[in-house]
Protein backbone atom coordinates (compact mmCIF):
# COMPACT_ATOMS: atom_id res chain seq x y z
CA MET A 1 -27.71 7.91 -9.14
CA LYS A 2 -31.22 9.14 -9.96
CA ILE A 3 -31.61 10.47 -6.17
CA TYR A 4 -28.59 12.94 -6.30
CA PRO A 5 -29.38 15.17 -9.61
CA GLU A 6 -33.04 15.68 -7.57
CA HIS A 7 -31.18 16.55 -4.03
CA ILE A 8 -28.58 18.70 -5.93
CA ASN A 9 -31.45 20.54 -8.12
CA ASN A 10 -33.07 21.16 -5.13
CA ASN A 11 -30.68 22.73 -2.86
CA VAL A 12 -27.17 21.79 -4.20
CA GLN A 13 -25.56 24.11 -1.45
CA PHE A 14 -26.47 21.58 1.16
CA ILE A 15 -25.64 18.39 -0.64
CA PHE A 16 -22.10 19.65 -1.04
CA ASP A 17 -21.80 21.18 2.43
CA ASP A 18 -22.89 18.07 3.79
CA LEU A 19 -20.60 15.45 1.42
CA ILE A 20 -17.50 17.79 2.43
CA LYS A 21 -18.53 17.42 6.26
CA LYS A 22 -19.07 14.01 6.21
CA SER A 23 -15.85 13.50 4.32
CA LYS A 24 -13.74 15.11 6.77
CA ILE A 25 -15.09 12.51 9.21
CA TYR A 26 -14.64 9.84 6.76
CA THR A 27 -10.92 10.71 6.85
CA VAL A 28 -10.70 10.42 10.41
CA PHE A 29 -11.09 6.37 9.76
CA ILE A 30 -8.94 6.15 7.10
CA ASN A 31 -6.32 8.43 8.63
CA PRO A 32 -6.78 8.47 12.16
CA GLU A 33 -2.93 9.09 12.71
CA ASN A 34 -3.43 12.29 10.76
CA MET A 35 -5.60 13.89 13.53
CA ASP A 36 -4.66 16.83 15.06
CA ASN A 37 -5.27 16.98 19.52
CA GLU A 38 -7.95 19.75 18.52
CA ASN A 39 -10.14 17.17 16.20
CA GLU A 40 -13.26 16.45 18.50
CA PHE A 41 -13.05 12.91 17.40
CA PHE A 42 -9.08 12.73 18.57
CA PRO A 43 -9.91 11.08 21.84
CA TYR A 44 -11.01 7.62 20.12
CA GLN A 45 -7.55 8.31 17.83
CA ASP A 46 -6.15 5.00 19.36
CA LYS A 47 -8.51 2.79 18.81
CA LEU A 48 -9.52 3.76 15.41
CA ILE A 49 -5.64 3.45 14.60
CA ASP A 50 -6.45 -0.54 15.83
CA LEU A 51 -9.62 -0.29 14.11
CA GLN A 52 -7.97 0.38 10.65
CA HIS A 53 -5.46 -2.12 11.08
CA LEU A 54 -8.02 -4.75 11.73
CA GLY A 55 -9.84 -3.78 8.74
CA ILE A 56 -13.15 -3.17 9.51
CA ALA A 57 -14.74 -1.04 5.96
CA PRO A 58 -17.86 -2.33 6.36
CA ALA A 59 -18.64 -0.72 9.77
CA TYR A 60 -17.51 2.65 8.52
CA SER A 61 -21.18 3.32 6.95
CA LEU A 62 -22.37 3.02 10.81
CA LEU A 63 -19.42 5.00 12.32
CA LEU A 64 -20.45 7.50 10.15
CA TYR A 65 -24.03 7.84 10.72
CA LEU A 66 -22.54 7.45 15.03
CA PHE A 67 -20.65 10.32 14.46
CA VAL A 68 -22.71 12.87 12.67
CA GLU A 69 -26.05 12.02 13.96
CA GLU A 70 -25.15 10.75 17.86
CA LYS A 71 -21.98 12.77 17.61
CA ASP A 72 -22.74 13.61 21.62
CA THR A 73 -22.37 10.58 22.65
CA ASP A 74 -19.18 8.55 24.11
CA PHE A 75 -18.40 5.76 21.53
CA SER A 76 -15.31 4.57 23.74
CA ASP A 77 -17.38 1.23 24.64
CA ILE A 78 -19.24 1.02 21.01
CA LEU A 79 -15.67 1.42 19.43
CA ASN A 80 -14.54 -1.65 21.58
CA PHE A 81 -17.28 -3.76 20.92
CA ILE A 82 -16.83 -3.20 17.31
CA GLU A 83 -13.31 -4.04 17.57
CA ASN A 84 -13.97 -7.49 19.37
CA TRP A 85 -16.71 -8.21 16.89
CA PHE A 86 -14.71 -8.09 13.85
CA LEU A 87 -11.87 -10.14 15.56
CA ARG A 88 -14.07 -12.69 16.23
CA ARG A 89 -15.69 -12.41 12.80
CA HIS A 90 -12.31 -12.36 11.00
CA ILE A 91 -10.91 -15.10 13.08
CA THR A 92 -14.18 -17.23 12.59
CA ASP A 93 -14.99 -16.24 9.28
CA TYR A 94 -18.52 -15.88 10.42
CA PRO A 95 -20.57 -13.92 9.05
CA ALA A 96 -19.50 -14.00 5.57
CA THR A 97 -17.58 -11.51 3.67
CA ASN A 98 -20.51 -10.98 1.50
CA LYS A 99 -22.92 -10.27 3.87
CA LEU A 100 -21.09 -7.64 6.29
CA ASP A 101 -22.31 -4.39 4.18
CA GLN A 102 -25.96 -5.69 4.50
CA ILE A 103 -25.62 -6.10 8.27
CA PHE A 104 -24.24 -2.43 8.56
CA LEU A 105 -26.88 -0.89 6.47
CA ASP A 106 -29.45 -2.68 8.34
CA LEU A 107 -28.03 -1.60 11.48
CA ILE A 108 -28.24 2.25 10.18
CA ASN A 109 -31.95 1.46 9.63
CA LEU A 110 -32.90 0.09 12.97
CA LEU A 111 -30.97 2.89 14.66
CA CYS A 112 -33.12 5.69 12.35
CA SER A 113 -36.29 3.59 13.09
CA ASN A 114 -35.53 3.78 16.52
CA LYS A 115 -34.71 7.71 16.57
CA GLN A 116 -38.08 8.20 15.09
CA GLU A 117 -39.97 6.52 18.40
CA GLU A 118 -41.23 8.45 20.94
CA GLU A 119 -39.48 6.42 23.78
CA LEU A 120 -36.02 6.06 22.18
CA LYS A 121 -33.81 2.45 23.17
CA ASP A 122 -30.49 3.19 24.45
CA ILE A 123 -27.95 3.41 21.11
CA LYS A 124 -25.44 1.00 22.67
CA LYS A 125 -27.84 -1.85 23.75
CA LEU A 126 -29.27 -1.67 20.41
CA ILE A 127 -26.12 -2.03 18.57
CA PHE A 128 -24.71 -4.48 20.79
CA GLU A 129 -28.28 -6.90 21.07
CA PHE A 130 -28.42 -6.50 16.66
CA LEU A 131 -24.40 -7.77 16.30
CA LEU A 132 -24.75 -10.45 19.11
CA ASN A 133 -27.37 -12.19 17.45
CA SER A 134 -26.57 -15.79 16.55
CA ASP A 135 -26.89 -15.22 13.04
CA ARG A 136 -24.22 -12.29 13.23
CA TYR A 137 -21.72 -14.04 15.94
CA LYS A 138 -20.32 -16.95 16.74
CA SER A 139 -20.30 -18.24 20.58
CA ASP A 140 -17.63 -18.06 22.83
CA GLU A 141 -17.11 -21.94 22.82
CA GLU A 142 -17.19 -21.87 18.94
CA PHE A 143 -14.71 -18.72 19.24
CA LYS A 144 -12.60 -20.96 21.31
CA GLN A 145 -12.35 -23.77 19.00
CA THR A 146 -11.69 -21.79 16.34
CA LEU A 147 -8.49 -20.25 18.29
CA LEU A 148 -7.62 -23.70 19.43
CA ASN A 149 -7.92 -25.84 16.24
CA SER A 150 -7.46 -23.27 13.55
CA LYS A 151 -3.55 -22.49 11.99
CA LEU A 152 -4.04 -19.23 12.91
CA TYR A 153 -0.80 -17.69 11.06
CA ASP A 154 -1.80 -19.28 7.89
CA THR A 155 -5.80 -18.51 7.80
CA ASN A 156 -5.76 -14.67 8.79
CA ARG A 157 -1.74 -13.11 9.58
CA GLY A 158 -3.15 -10.04 10.33
CA ALA A 159 -6.26 -10.67 12.70
CA THR A 160 -4.09 -12.88 14.43
CA ARG A 161 -1.15 -9.93 14.80
CA CYS A 162 -4.33 -7.60 16.03
CA LEU A 163 -5.62 -10.29 18.66
CA LEU A 164 -2.09 -10.92 20.46
CA THR A 165 -1.47 -6.88 20.26
CA LYS A 166 -5.02 -6.65 21.82
CA LEU A 167 -4.14 -9.10 24.60
CA GLU A 168 -0.83 -7.89 24.94
CA LYS A 169 -1.76 -4.07 25.83
CA SER A 170 -4.31 -5.18 28.08
CA LYS A 171 -1.50 -6.83 30.40
CA ARG A 172 0.60 -3.28 30.10
CA THR A 173 0.25 -0.21 32.41
CA LYS A 174 0.29 3.36 30.67
CA GLU A 175 4.19 3.70 31.83
CA ASN A 176 5.22 0.43 29.67
CA SER A 177 2.86 0.97 26.69
CA VAL A 178 4.58 0.63 23.17
CA ASP A 179 3.58 1.33 19.66
CA PHE A 180 2.92 -1.81 18.08
CA TRP A 181 1.96 -0.24 14.94
CA GLU A 182 5.65 1.90 14.64
CA THR A 183 7.41 1.00 11.30
CA ASN A 184 10.89 0.71 10.16
CA LYS A 185 11.96 1.52 6.62
CA ASN A 186 8.20 0.88 5.92
CA LYS A 187 8.28 -2.67 7.93
CA LEU A 188 6.38 -3.54 11.07
CA VAL A 189 9.05 -3.38 14.20
CA TRP A 190 6.57 -5.71 15.95
CA THR A 191 5.84 -9.08 14.22
CA ILE A 192 4.55 -12.54 14.90
CA GLU A 193 6.91 -14.73 16.41
CA HIS A 194 6.77 -18.59 16.24
CA ILE A 195 8.32 -19.73 19.30
CA TYR A 196 9.29 -23.52 17.38
CA PRO A 197 10.41 -21.76 14.17
CA GLN A 198 9.20 -22.05 10.92
CA ASN A 199 12.55 -23.24 9.28
CA PRO A 200 14.57 -25.44 11.85
CA ASN A 201 17.86 -26.41 11.20
CA GLU A 202 17.80 -30.24 11.13
CA LYS A 203 20.72 -30.76 13.37
CA SER A 204 19.10 -28.63 15.93
CA ASP A 205 17.68 -29.38 19.15
CA TRP A 206 14.08 -28.75 17.71
CA SER A 207 14.09 -32.35 15.82
CA ARG A 208 13.99 -34.25 19.37
CA THR A 209 10.98 -32.11 20.66
CA CYS A 210 9.00 -32.04 17.42
CA ASN A 211 8.66 -34.04 14.53
CA GLY A 212 7.56 -33.51 10.76
CA GLU A 213 3.92 -34.28 11.46
CA ASP A 214 3.47 -32.69 14.48
CA ARG A 215 5.41 -29.57 13.24
CA SER A 216 2.92 -29.29 10.45
CA GLU A 217 -0.37 -29.08 12.64
CA TYR A 218 1.19 -27.07 15.46
CA LEU A 219 3.54 -24.74 14.05
CA HIS A 220 1.05 -22.05 13.06
CA LYS A 221 -1.31 -22.54 16.07
CA LEU A 222 -2.28 -20.00 18.82
CA GLY A 223 -0.11 -21.58 21.25
CA ASN A 224 3.03 -21.33 19.23
CA LEU A 225 2.82 -17.52 18.43
CA THR A 226 3.77 -14.47 20.49
CA LEU A 227 5.16 -11.35 19.41
CA THR A 228 8.54 -9.56 19.21
CA ARG A 229 10.62 -6.94 18.15
CA TYR A 230 13.70 -9.27 17.40
CA ASN A 231 12.79 -11.29 14.92
CA SER A 232 15.72 -11.80 12.91
CA THR A 233 17.50 -12.43 16.25
CA TYR A 234 15.59 -15.39 17.21
CA SER A 235 15.73 -16.63 13.70
CA ASN A 236 15.91 -20.21 13.87
CA LYS A 237 17.87 -20.60 17.07
CA SER A 238 17.15 -23.51 19.93
CA TYR A 239 14.50 -22.79 22.36
CA LYS A 240 17.01 -22.74 25.22
CA ASP A 241 18.83 -20.25 23.13
CA LYS A 242 15.82 -18.01 22.72
CA ILE A 243 14.73 -17.79 26.11
CA LYS A 244 18.04 -16.00 26.85
CA ILE A 245 19.77 -13.30 24.51
CA ILE A 246 21.47 -10.66 25.35
CA ASP A 247 21.81 -7.66 23.18
CA LYS A 248 25.08 -5.26 22.62
CA ASP A 249 23.76 -3.37 25.42
CA MET A 250 23.61 -6.18 27.40
CA ASN A 251 19.88 -6.04 28.12
CA ASP A 252 18.02 -9.80 28.14
CA ILE A 253 15.87 -9.53 25.07
CA GLY A 254 15.07 -13.23 25.44
CA LEU A 255 11.63 -15.06 25.15
CA LYS A 256 11.89 -15.53 29.33
CA SER A 257 12.77 -11.90 29.79
CA GLY A 258 9.15 -10.66 30.85
CA ASN A 259 9.55 -7.80 28.18
CA VAL A 260 6.27 -9.51 26.31
CA LYS A 261 3.49 -10.26 28.88
CA ILE A 262 1.94 -13.05 27.00
CA ASN A 263 5.05 -15.03 27.24
CA GLN A 264 4.23 -15.41 30.96
CA TYR A 265 3.27 -19.54 30.36
CA LEU A 266 6.93 -19.72 29.32
CA ILE A 267 8.62 -18.80 32.22
CA ASP A 268 6.43 -20.46 34.78
CA ASN A 269 6.25 -24.12 33.06
CA THR A 270 9.11 -24.64 31.11
CA ASP A 271 12.84 -25.17 31.09
CA ASN A 272 15.25 -25.41 28.29
CA GLU A 273 12.84 -27.16 25.77
CA TRP A 274 9.70 -26.43 23.97
CA TYR A 275 7.25 -29.76 23.36
CA ILE A 276 3.58 -29.98 21.33
CA LYS A 277 2.31 -30.65 25.13
CA HIS A 278 3.46 -26.66 26.00
CA ILE A 279 1.62 -25.00 22.34
CA LYS A 280 -1.60 -27.14 23.45
CA GLU A 281 -1.52 -26.04 26.89
CA ARG A 282 -0.36 -22.20 26.11
CA GLY A 283 -3.08 -22.25 23.74
CA GLU A 284 -5.79 -23.01 26.06
CA GLU A 285 -4.57 -20.39 28.66
CA LEU A 286 -4.44 -17.64 25.59
CA ALA A 287 -7.62 -18.79 24.07
CA ASP A 288 -9.48 -18.56 27.85
CA GLU A 289 -7.80 -14.80 28.46
CA ILE A 290 -8.88 -13.90 24.62
CA ILE A 291 -12.43 -14.61 25.25
CA SER A 292 -12.37 -13.52 28.90
CA LEU A 293 -11.16 -10.05 27.55
CA MET A 294 -13.26 -9.22 24.78
CA ASN A 295 -16.29 -10.10 26.85
CA LYS A 296 -15.69 -7.41 29.17
C-alpha cells in the first residue's frame, strides 16, 4: 500500500488512467459474454466464457499482463493451454489451491525478465514449459488414473461438467454446435446425466444390473456420466427406456439418438442393459480421448 501513494504523488493522472485501462480489460475476463464485436478481444470471447465457467481466477493476473504488454500476440493457443492446465489441475487437485496465485506471479516475473533480455525467447514456449514442470503438473498417467478412479461428480462437479463439455464440443461441427451454457430461469439447460441413475426405483431393471456396493463405487465415475438437456425426462427410467425416448414433436432424444457425441460407446457396445463392465470400458475410452484432446 505504501507504493501507491508514492506513484500517485509522482503522476496521479497516469496511475488512474492505467487503472481504468486495465479494469476494462479485467472486465473482459469476468464478464466475457458482455463484449461487443468491436472489442479488440472479441475473437477470444467463446474461450474466455469457457475459462470463466471453469474458474481460473489465479491466472487472471497472467492474462492481464499478456493482454496489456503483449497485445499483438495471438492468444488462442495460450488460452486453450490454460484451459487444459486448469482442467487437469481441478480434477487432480494439484498443485494445491494455496500455491496457485504465487505460480502465476512467478510466471509473470519470468516473462518480465525475458522481455529485458537482448534475445527474447518465445512467450508461448516459456509459458508452456513453466506450467508443464512436474512441480505444477500431473503426468498423463497420473491424470488418467484420477479420471478413472475418482468419483468425479462428487469431487468436482463443475470441472467435470467443463471436461465433458470440452470433449463433446470437440466432436461437433460448427453446424451442430450448441450453447452449453444456455440457461432457463437461471438454471443451466445442459447438465450432467448419470446413465445409471442416482435414485433408481428398487423394483426397476437396475436392481439386476448393479448391486448396492457397485452402485456406490461407480455411480459418480467418468464412465457413467454424460451430458443432456433432458435430465428430467430421463429421470430414473430403466436403461432400455432411456436409450429410446420420443418427445412430443416425435424427435428421438434417447441416449442412443446420436444427439450427444460422447454417447457413441452406448450405440456401439450396449443393447438394452447397462452393466459395471460398460462403465469401466467407457471410462477408459473417454479418459484416453480426453488426454489426447488436451495434448493437441
